[in-house]
Protein backbone atom coordinates (compact mmCIF):
# COMPACT_ATOMS: atom_id res chain seq x y z
CA MET A 1 -2.76 18.75 26.77
CA ILE A 2 -4.35 15.49 27.81
CA TYR A 3 -7.01 13.73 26.03
CA ARG A 4 -9.11 11.22 28.12
CA GLY A 5 -11.02 9.10 25.72
CA ASN A 6 -13.75 6.58 26.35
CA ASN A 7 -12.44 3.02 26.75
CA VAL A 8 -11.41 2.88 23.12
CA GLY A 9 -10.08 -0.51 23.68
CA ALA A 10 -13.37 -2.15 24.96
CA ARG A 11 -14.57 -3.28 21.56
CA CYS A 12 -11.33 -5.15 21.06
CA GLY A 13 -11.44 -6.76 24.43
CA VAL A 14 -8.72 -4.54 25.88
CA PRO A 15 -9.41 -3.94 29.58
CA VAL A 16 -7.76 -0.64 29.75
CA ARG A 17 -8.79 2.97 29.80
CA ILE A 18 -6.51 4.73 27.45
CA ILE A 19 -5.17 8.27 28.48
CA ILE A 20 -3.20 9.82 25.63
CA ILE A 21 -0.85 12.71 26.68
CA MET A 22 -0.66 14.68 23.43
CA ASN A 23 2.46 16.60 24.07
CA LYS A 24 4.76 13.74 25.10
CA LYS A 25 7.24 12.45 22.66
CA ARG A 26 5.69 10.23 19.93
CA TYR A 27 7.46 7.85 17.64
CA TYR A 28 5.69 6.94 14.38
CA PHE A 29 6.11 3.44 12.92
CA ASP A 30 3.27 3.18 10.48
CA TYR A 31 4.69 4.61 7.27
CA ALA A 32 3.03 1.82 5.28
CA ALA A 33 -0.43 3.43 6.24
CA THR A 34 0.50 6.90 5.34
CA THR A 35 3.50 9.14 5.30
CA PRO A 36 3.73 12.90 6.43
CA VAL A 37 4.04 15.28 3.72
CA ASP A 38 7.68 16.36 2.91
CA GLN A 39 8.28 20.06 3.47
CA ARG A 40 9.66 20.42 -0.06
CA VAL A 41 6.28 18.96 -1.41
CA VAL A 42 4.31 21.62 0.58
CA VAL A 43 6.49 24.34 -0.88
CA ALA A 44 5.90 23.00 -4.47
CA MET A 45 2.21 22.90 -3.91
CA GLU A 46 1.67 26.34 -2.35
CA PRO A 47 1.57 28.49 -5.46
CA TYR A 48 -1.38 26.35 -6.82
CA TRP A 49 -3.74 27.03 -3.99
CA PHE A 50 -4.19 30.76 -4.29
CA LYS A 51 -2.13 32.27 -7.14
CA LYS A 52 -2.20 29.67 -9.99
CA TYR A 53 -5.60 28.26 -9.32
CA GLY A 54 -6.99 27.93 -12.99
CA ASN A 55 -9.00 25.00 -14.31
CA PRO A 56 -6.76 23.31 -16.91
CA SER A 57 -9.79 22.82 -19.17
CA GLY A 58 -10.07 26.63 -19.52
CA LEU A 59 -9.09 28.49 -22.72
CA TYR A 60 -8.02 31.69 -21.07
CA PHE A 61 -4.61 32.47 -19.55
CA GLU A 62 -5.28 30.93 -15.99
CA GLY A 63 -6.55 27.71 -17.68
CA ARG A 64 -3.67 27.40 -20.01
CA LEU A 65 -1.16 27.96 -17.33
CA ALA A 66 -2.82 25.13 -15.26
CA LYS A 67 -2.85 22.89 -18.38
CA GLN A 68 0.83 23.64 -18.91
CA VAL A 69 1.55 22.56 -15.29
CA LEU A 70 -0.54 19.45 -15.61
CA ASP A 71 1.29 18.44 -18.81
CA GLU A 72 4.63 18.95 -17.14
CA CYS A 73 3.66 16.84 -14.14
CA ARG A 74 2.40 14.02 -16.50
CA GLN A 75 5.78 14.20 -18.30
CA LYS A 76 7.79 14.03 -15.21
CA VAL A 77 5.77 11.02 -13.87
CA ALA A 78 6.12 9.27 -17.12
CA GLN A 79 9.85 9.75 -17.15
CA LEU A 80 10.14 8.41 -13.69
CA ILE A 81 8.49 5.13 -14.61
CA ASN A 82 9.85 4.97 -18.11
CA ALA A 83 6.49 5.47 -19.82
CA ASP A 84 4.95 7.89 -22.36
CA SER A 85 3.08 10.87 -20.92
CA ASP A 86 -0.27 9.75 -22.53
CA GLU A 87 -0.04 6.51 -20.53
CA VAL A 88 -0.29 8.35 -17.29
CA ILE A 89 -3.75 8.71 -15.71
CA PHE A 90 -4.14 10.82 -12.62
CA THR A 91 -6.74 9.67 -10.01
CA SER A 92 -7.72 10.18 -6.44
CA GLY A 93 -5.55 7.59 -5.08
CA GLY A 94 -4.49 4.06 -5.12
CA SER A 95 -7.97 2.58 -4.39
CA GLU A 96 -9.53 4.37 -7.37
CA SER A 97 -6.54 3.35 -9.59
CA ASN A 98 -6.99 -0.31 -8.66
CA ASN A 99 -10.56 -0.33 -9.23
CA LEU A 100 -10.12 1.34 -12.55
CA ALA A 101 -7.62 -1.29 -13.49
CA ILE A 102 -9.99 -4.18 -12.56
CA THR A 103 -13.38 -2.76 -13.48
CA GLY A 104 -12.18 -0.81 -16.39
CA VAL A 105 -10.77 -3.79 -18.18
CA LEU A 106 -13.79 -5.86 -17.44
CA ALA A 107 -16.19 -3.35 -18.67
CA ALA A 108 -14.32 -3.27 -22.06
CA VAL A 109 -14.93 -6.90 -22.51
CA ASN A 110 -18.65 -6.79 -21.14
CA ASN A 111 -17.47 -8.63 -17.96
CA GLN A 112 -16.47 -11.64 -20.08
CA GLY A 113 -13.50 -13.82 -19.51
CA LYS A 114 -11.54 -14.55 -16.35
CA ILE A 115 -9.37 -12.57 -14.07
CA ILE A 116 -6.69 -13.79 -11.56
CA VAL A 117 -5.55 -11.87 -8.42
CA SER A 118 -3.30 -13.07 -5.63
CA ALA A 119 -4.58 -14.12 -2.27
CA ILE A 120 -2.67 -11.22 -0.57
CA GLU A 121 -3.84 -8.28 -2.57
CA HIS A 122 -4.77 -5.04 -0.96
CA LYS A 123 -8.52 -4.80 -0.29
CA SER A 124 -9.15 -2.33 -3.10
CA ILE A 125 -8.17 -5.33 -5.50
CA LEU A 126 -9.48 -8.25 -3.48
CA ASN A 127 -12.86 -6.75 -2.73
CA VAL A 128 -13.44 -5.48 -6.24
CA ALA A 129 -12.58 -8.96 -7.61
CA LYS A 130 -15.16 -10.55 -5.12
CA TYR A 131 -17.80 -8.05 -6.07
CA TRP A 132 -17.49 -9.07 -9.78
CA GLN A 133 -17.21 -12.75 -8.87
CA GLN A 134 -20.63 -12.37 -7.02
CA ARG A 135 -21.91 -10.98 -10.41
CA GLY A 136 -20.87 -13.84 -12.50
CA VAL A 137 -17.43 -13.10 -13.54
CA THR A 138 -14.86 -15.88 -13.36
CA VAL A 139 -12.28 -14.93 -10.68
CA GLU A 140 -9.54 -17.10 -9.43
CA PHE A 141 -7.28 -16.26 -6.46
CA CYS A 142 -3.71 -17.37 -6.95
CA PRO A 143 -2.21 -18.91 -3.68
CA VAL A 144 1.07 -17.86 -2.12
CA LEU A 145 3.77 -19.86 -0.45
CA SER A 146 4.38 -19.70 3.47
CA SER A 147 6.91 -16.92 2.64
CA GLY A 148 4.23 -14.77 1.04
CA LEU A 149 5.74 -15.20 -2.48
CA VAL A 150 3.32 -16.16 -5.22
CA ASP A 151 3.18 -19.67 -6.13
CA GLU A 152 4.36 -19.30 -9.62
CA LYS A 153 3.79 -22.81 -10.81
CA LYS A 154 0.16 -22.62 -9.70
CA LEU A 155 -0.21 -19.15 -11.28
CA ALA A 156 1.09 -20.64 -14.53
CA GLY A 157 -1.41 -23.50 -14.51
CA MET A 158 -4.33 -20.97 -13.90
CA ILE A 159 -3.72 -18.88 -16.96
CA ASP A 160 -5.76 -19.91 -20.08
CA LYS A 161 -7.01 -18.37 -23.35
CA LYS A 162 -10.01 -16.90 -21.28
CA THR A 163 -7.79 -14.93 -18.87
CA ILE A 164 -8.02 -11.21 -19.59
CA LEU A 165 -6.25 -9.76 -16.52
CA VAL A 166 -3.85 -10.83 -13.72
CA SER A 167 -3.11 -8.63 -10.79
CA ILE A 168 -0.25 -9.18 -8.45
CA ILE A 169 0.79 -6.77 -5.78
CA TYR A 170 4.36 -5.54 -6.20
CA ALA A 171 5.19 -5.08 -2.48
CA ASN A 172 2.62 -6.34 0.02
CA ASN A 173 1.21 -3.54 2.22
CA GLU A 174 1.05 -5.84 5.27
CA ILE A 175 3.98 -8.25 5.38
CA GLY A 176 6.18 -6.29 2.88
CA VAL A 177 6.95 -9.25 0.74
CA VAL A 178 8.35 -8.21 -2.80
CA GLN A 179 7.30 -10.23 -5.73
CA ASP A 180 9.54 -10.74 -8.82
CA ILE A 181 7.20 -8.78 -11.05
CA SER A 182 9.29 -9.03 -14.23
CA ARG A 183 9.41 -12.88 -13.87
CA ILE A 184 5.69 -13.16 -13.21
CA GLY A 185 5.26 -11.01 -16.20
CA ARG A 186 7.08 -13.33 -18.50
CA ILE A 187 5.10 -16.21 -17.11
CA ILE A 188 1.86 -14.55 -17.88
CA LYS A 189 2.80 -13.62 -21.42
CA LYS A 190 4.21 -17.00 -22.18
CA HIS A 191 0.85 -18.61 -21.34
CA ASN A 192 -1.37 -15.99 -22.89
CA PRO A 193 0.31 -12.99 -24.59
CA LYS A 194 -2.98 -11.09 -24.71
CA THR A 195 -3.48 -11.21 -20.93
CA TYR A 196 -3.13 -7.77 -19.23
CA PHE A 197 -0.68 -7.71 -16.27
CA HIS A 198 -1.48 -5.22 -13.51
CA THR A 199 0.58 -4.47 -10.36
CA ASP A 200 -0.28 -2.51 -7.30
CA ALA A 201 3.05 -0.59 -6.74
CA CYS A 202 1.82 1.84 -3.92
CA GLN A 203 4.22 0.50 -1.42
CA ALA A 204 7.08 -0.02 -3.79
CA MET A 205 7.74 3.45 -5.13
CA ASN A 206 10.03 4.54 -2.19
CA TYR A 207 12.40 1.59 -2.63
CA LEU A 208 12.12 -0.51 -5.70
CA ASP A 209 12.57 -0.27 -9.41
CA ILE A 210 9.35 1.12 -11.07
CA ASP A 211 10.44 1.03 -14.74
CA VAL A 212 7.29 -0.28 -16.30
CA LYS A 213 9.17 -1.64 -19.31
CA LYS A 214 11.59 -3.82 -17.13
CA LEU A 215 8.61 -4.95 -15.09
CA GLY A 216 6.74 -6.00 -18.09
CA VAL A 217 3.45 -4.67 -16.90
CA ASP A 218 0.61 -3.18 -18.71
CA LEU A 219 -1.07 -1.46 -15.80
CA LEU A 220 0.56 0.01 -12.56
CA THR A 221 -0.99 1.78 -9.62
CA PHE A 222 0.76 4.46 -7.56
CA ASN A 223 -0.32 6.74 -4.79
CA GLY A 224 0.73 10.13 -3.26
CA SER A 225 0.12 9.34 0.31
CA LYS A 226 2.73 6.55 0.50
CA ILE A 227 5.61 8.61 -0.86
CA TYR A 228 5.43 11.77 1.33
CA GLY A 229 3.14 13.45 -0.90
CA PRO A 230 -0.47 14.61 -0.21
CA LYS A 231 -3.39 12.25 0.27
CA GLY A 232 -6.33 12.13 -2.18
CA VAL A 233 -4.14 11.77 -5.37
CA GLY A 234 -2.63 8.84 -7.19
CA GLY A 235 -2.27 7.54 -10.64
CA LEU A 236 -2.52 4.59 -12.96
CA TYR A 237 -0.13 3.68 -15.79
CA ALA A 238 -1.97 2.18 -18.67
CA LYS A 239 0.18 0.90 -21.58
CA LYS A 240 -0.85 1.97 -25.04
CA GLY A 241 -3.34 -0.44 -26.50
CA VAL A 242 -4.90 -1.43 -23.19
CA ARG A 243 -8.72 -1.70 -23.70
CA MET A 244 -10.28 -0.04 -20.59
CA GLU A 245 -13.53 1.93 -19.87
CA PRO A 246 -13.70 4.76 -17.35
CA LEU A 247 -15.23 4.50 -13.89
CA ILE A 248 -16.16 8.30 -13.87
CA MET A 249 -17.73 9.87 -16.82
CA GLY A 250 -18.28 13.58 -17.46
CA GLY A 251 -16.20 16.19 -19.23
CA GLY A 252 -13.67 13.97 -20.72
CA GLN A 253 -10.64 15.01 -18.68
CA GLU A 254 -7.60 12.69 -18.45
CA ARG A 255 -8.17 11.78 -22.18
CA GLY A 256 -11.49 10.40 -21.26
CA TRP A 257 -10.11 7.81 -18.69
CA ARG A 258 -11.20 9.81 -15.64
CA ALA A 259 -13.62 12.69 -15.72
CA GLY A 260 -13.45 15.63 -13.20
CA THR A 261 -11.28 18.80 -12.85
CA GLU A 262 -7.85 17.74 -12.24
CA ASN A 263 -6.68 18.64 -8.67
CA ILE A 264 -3.58 20.62 -9.77
CA PRO A 265 -2.10 21.32 -6.29
CA LEU A 266 -2.18 17.54 -5.30
CA ILE A 267 -0.84 16.30 -8.62
CA VAL A 268 2.06 18.96 -8.36
CA GLY A 269 2.64 17.64 -4.81
CA MET A 270 2.63 14.01 -5.70
CA THR A 271 4.97 14.69 -8.71
CA GLU A 272 7.43 16.42 -6.54
CA ALA A 273 7.21 13.61 -3.96
CA MET A 274 7.98 11.10 -6.63
CA VAL A 275 10.94 13.03 -7.82
CA ILE A 276 12.45 13.12 -4.40
CA ALA A 277 11.60 9.53 -3.67
CA ARG A 278 13.43 8.28 -6.87
CA ARG A 279 16.38 10.59 -6.20
CA ILE A 280 17.14 9.25 -2.72
CA CYS A 281 15.67 5.74 -2.90
CA GLY A 282 19.08 3.90 -2.90
CA ALA A 283 20.48 5.68 0.09
CA GLU A 284 17.13 5.68 1.90
CA ALA A 285 16.73 1.96 1.50
CA LYS A 286 20.21 1.28 2.85
CA ARG A 287 19.54 3.43 5.93
CA VAL A 288 16.09 1.92 6.85
CA VAL A 289 17.15 -1.60 6.12
CA TRP A 290 19.70 -1.31 8.91
CA LEU A 291 17.02 -0.05 11.28
CA ARG A 292 14.59 -2.80 10.13
CA ASP A 293 17.15 -5.58 10.63
CA LYS A 294 17.96 -4.29 14.09
CA ILE A 295 14.23 -4.40 15.11
CA ILE A 296 13.95 -7.91 13.60
CA SER A 297 16.90 -9.49 15.25
CA ARG A 298 16.24 -7.81 18.65
CA VAL A 299 12.61 -8.71 18.80
CA LEU A 300 13.22 -12.36 17.79
CA LYS A 301 16.11 -12.54 20.50
CA ASP A 302 14.32 -10.68 23.35
CA ILE A 303 10.73 -11.98 22.97
CA PRO A 304 9.91 -15.70 23.04
CA ASP A 305 7.38 -17.22 20.76
CA VAL A 306 7.43 -14.33 18.00
CA VAL A 307 7.16 -15.14 14.36
CA LEU A 308 8.44 -13.01 11.55
CA ASN A 309 5.86 -12.91 8.84
CA GLY A 310 6.92 -12.98 5.13
CA ASP A 311 10.18 -13.75 3.45
CA LYS A 312 13.16 -12.36 5.53
CA ASN A 313 15.13 -11.22 2.49
CA LYS A 314 12.60 -10.53 -0.33
CA ARG A 315 10.78 -7.79 1.72
CA LEU A 316 10.52 -4.00 1.63
CA ALA A 317 13.37 -2.12 3.25
CA ASN A 318 11.16 -0.62 5.84
CA ASN A 319 8.80 -3.36 6.86
CA VAL A 320 8.69 -5.52 10.03
CA ASN A 321 5.67 -7.70 10.44
CA ILE A 322 5.54 -10.14 13.47
CA SER A 323 2.92 -12.31 15.20
CA VAL A 324 3.16 -12.68 18.93
CA ALA A 325 1.86 -15.86 20.46
CA GLY A 326 -0.52 -15.44 23.30
CA ALA A 327 -1.25 -11.73 22.81
CA GLU A 328 -4.03 -9.81 20.80
CA GLY A 329 -2.48 -7.45 18.29
CA GLU A 330 -5.09 -4.77 19.29
CA SER A 331 -3.96 -4.91 22.95
CA LEU A 332 -0.43 -4.64 21.94
CA LEU A 333 -1.07 -1.59 19.58
CA LEU A 334 -3.07 0.19 22.28
CA TYR A 335 -0.37 -0.21 24.98
CA LEU A 336 2.23 0.98 22.52
CA ASP A 337 0.04 3.96 21.57
CA GLU A 338 -0.15 4.84 25.33
CA ALA A 339 3.62 4.57 25.53
CA GLY A 340 3.95 7.04 22.60
CA ILE A 341 4.52 4.62 19.83
CA ALA A 342 2.35 4.20 16.72
CA VAL A 343 2.16 0.88 15.01
CA SER A 344 -0.54 -0.97 13.21
CA THR A 345 -1.97 -4.52 13.34
CA GLY A 346 -2.93 -7.04 10.64
CA SER A 347 -6.25 -7.78 12.43
CA ALA A 348 -9.33 -5.58 11.90
CA CYS A 349 -10.88 -4.37 15.00
CA SER A 350 -14.56 -3.71 14.65
CA ALA A 351 -17.53 -3.37 16.80
CA SER A 352 -18.82 -6.71 15.75
CA ASP A 353 -16.01 -9.13 15.42
CA LEU A 354 -12.33 -9.63 15.10
CA ASP A 355 -11.19 -10.99 11.80
CA PRO A 356 -7.50 -11.89 11.42
CA SER A 357 -5.60 -10.62 8.41
CA HIS A 358 -6.40 -12.28 5.12
CA VAL A 359 -2.77 -11.93 4.22
CA LEU A 360 -1.55 -13.88 7.20
CA LEU A 361 -4.23 -16.69 6.62
CA ALA A 362 -3.11 -16.88 3.06
CA ILE A 363 0.44 -17.67 4.04
CA GLY A 364 -0.93 -20.52 6.34
CA GLN A 365 -0.77 -18.93 9.81
CA ASP A 366 -3.42 -20.19 12.17
CA LYS A 367 -6.10 -17.62 13.34
CA ALA A 368 -4.92 -17.54 16.83
CA LEU A 369 -1.49 -16.50 16.02
CA ALA A 370 -2.58 -14.11 13.30
CA HIS A 371 -4.61 -12.23 15.91
CA GLY A 372 -1.34 -11.35 17.49
CA SER A 373 0.15 -9.60 14.61
CA LEU A 374 1.91 -6.11 14.50
CA ARG A 375 3.26 -4.29 11.61
CA ILE A 376 6.05 -1.94 12.20
CA THR A 377 7.14 0.27 9.19
CA LEU A 378 9.97 2.73 9.09
CA GLY A 379 10.35 5.85 7.09
CA ARG A 380 12.15 9.05 6.29
CA TRP A 381 11.95 10.50 9.80
CA SER A 382 12.64 7.09 11.60
CA GLY A 383 15.87 7.16 13.68
CA GLU A 384 17.85 4.96 15.95
CA ALA A 385 16.57 6.60 19.02
CA GLY A 386 12.95 5.84 18.21
CA VAL A 387 13.87 2.30 17.35
CA ASP A 388 15.80 1.87 20.59
CA TYR A 389 12.75 3.19 22.60
CA LEU A 390 10.47 0.79 20.71
CA LEU A 391 12.81 -2.22 21.62
CA SER A 392 12.92 -1.11 25.30
CA VAL A 393 9.24 -0.90 25.55
CA LEU A 394 7.86 -3.70 23.37
CA PRO A 395 9.13 -6.68 25.53
CA LYS A 396 7.39 -5.31 28.59
CA ILE A 397 4.21 -4.70 26.86
CA VAL A 398 4.20 -8.18 25.37
CA GLU A 399 4.66 -9.73 28.79
CA ARG A 400 1.93 -7.57 30.31
CA VAL A 401 -0.57 -8.50 27.56
CA ARG A 402 0.28 -12.26 27.83
CA GLN A 403 -0.16 -12.21 31.58
CA MET A 404 -3.54 -10.52 31.14
CA SER A 405 -4.60 -12.97 28.39
CA ALA A 406 -3.57 -15.91 30.70
CA VAL A 407 -5.68 -14.35 33.47
CA ASN A 408 -8.74 -14.01 31.19
CA ASN A 409 -8.41 -17.51 29.82
């Protein structure tokens, strides 16, 4: 099967008509965007579509059975993150959980006080913070170092008695930098013990410690679609005593934190995915680190004028983020796609403009170089054959795009 699309690269300034051969071998390197659902997760979900389909709010047998499954899932998730079951709220995904953490806490204090978020947060944190800033809430954006690590000294100086919430992403979704969340938590509580600490742990679940007590967090976001579970489901850990208002009101499900009939099949799937992820995280991290480091060393050796973005050591096991001087990231992405390789770019390609990644700008990268960024993320079904193919193709594509860029300039 061959799909001949319109000139999909035209809006990004890519002078090429993409022809995608759908039955050719494809290599997926965008696990940070989403993961395929593990077959074991599919099997776990199957009974809850047609056989065990009850509404957990129902008092009859089917409803009681669904409620039992919901309670079991909540207990399993709580055990995995070292929380109590009544501290786990199921949501529709990471973005809703992040919005609930920010807006819910603000609503509980009538939008008074100050919140602090890092400059490299996911857009579901950054944009909601900017939303409330435009409506009069005091919001401060904590800078990061060139490594992508939070400037802890500046963070400490920003916290005062009015600070009600600090949100720092655990592992960055673009450059993969891992923050020392437990140390940051101690800094926050030292300067204001009443300040809530939230972390977005969506990218962390596969590889990092998620013990909420060790991390010292009051709120923690997780997401099914990043851990080989289904899309459209996530959760928020909210420590006992956290004052928060719901975003969605209705029948009082999720103990009043999030109204709406709980999606039992998706919750079952995410729970199974979390169980699997935690069981294999150590071995899987070692496996993908070897592949990651092979990509980094070869790319930096074989392609001139390439920068590795983010701290080389304090980064996710599966993340490679580079900026290629003299080449547009969108052009590289589309040529790689034509070659059967799926990656992503830190630049946003839209019909109206090209905005470089806010994360790369936050670490001090200039706009021209930031436009040449590529994010390569490995996962459970990444292998050495795919990595070797990527490494054989990428230098040629970079050379081609650079030549085209030189001609156009």
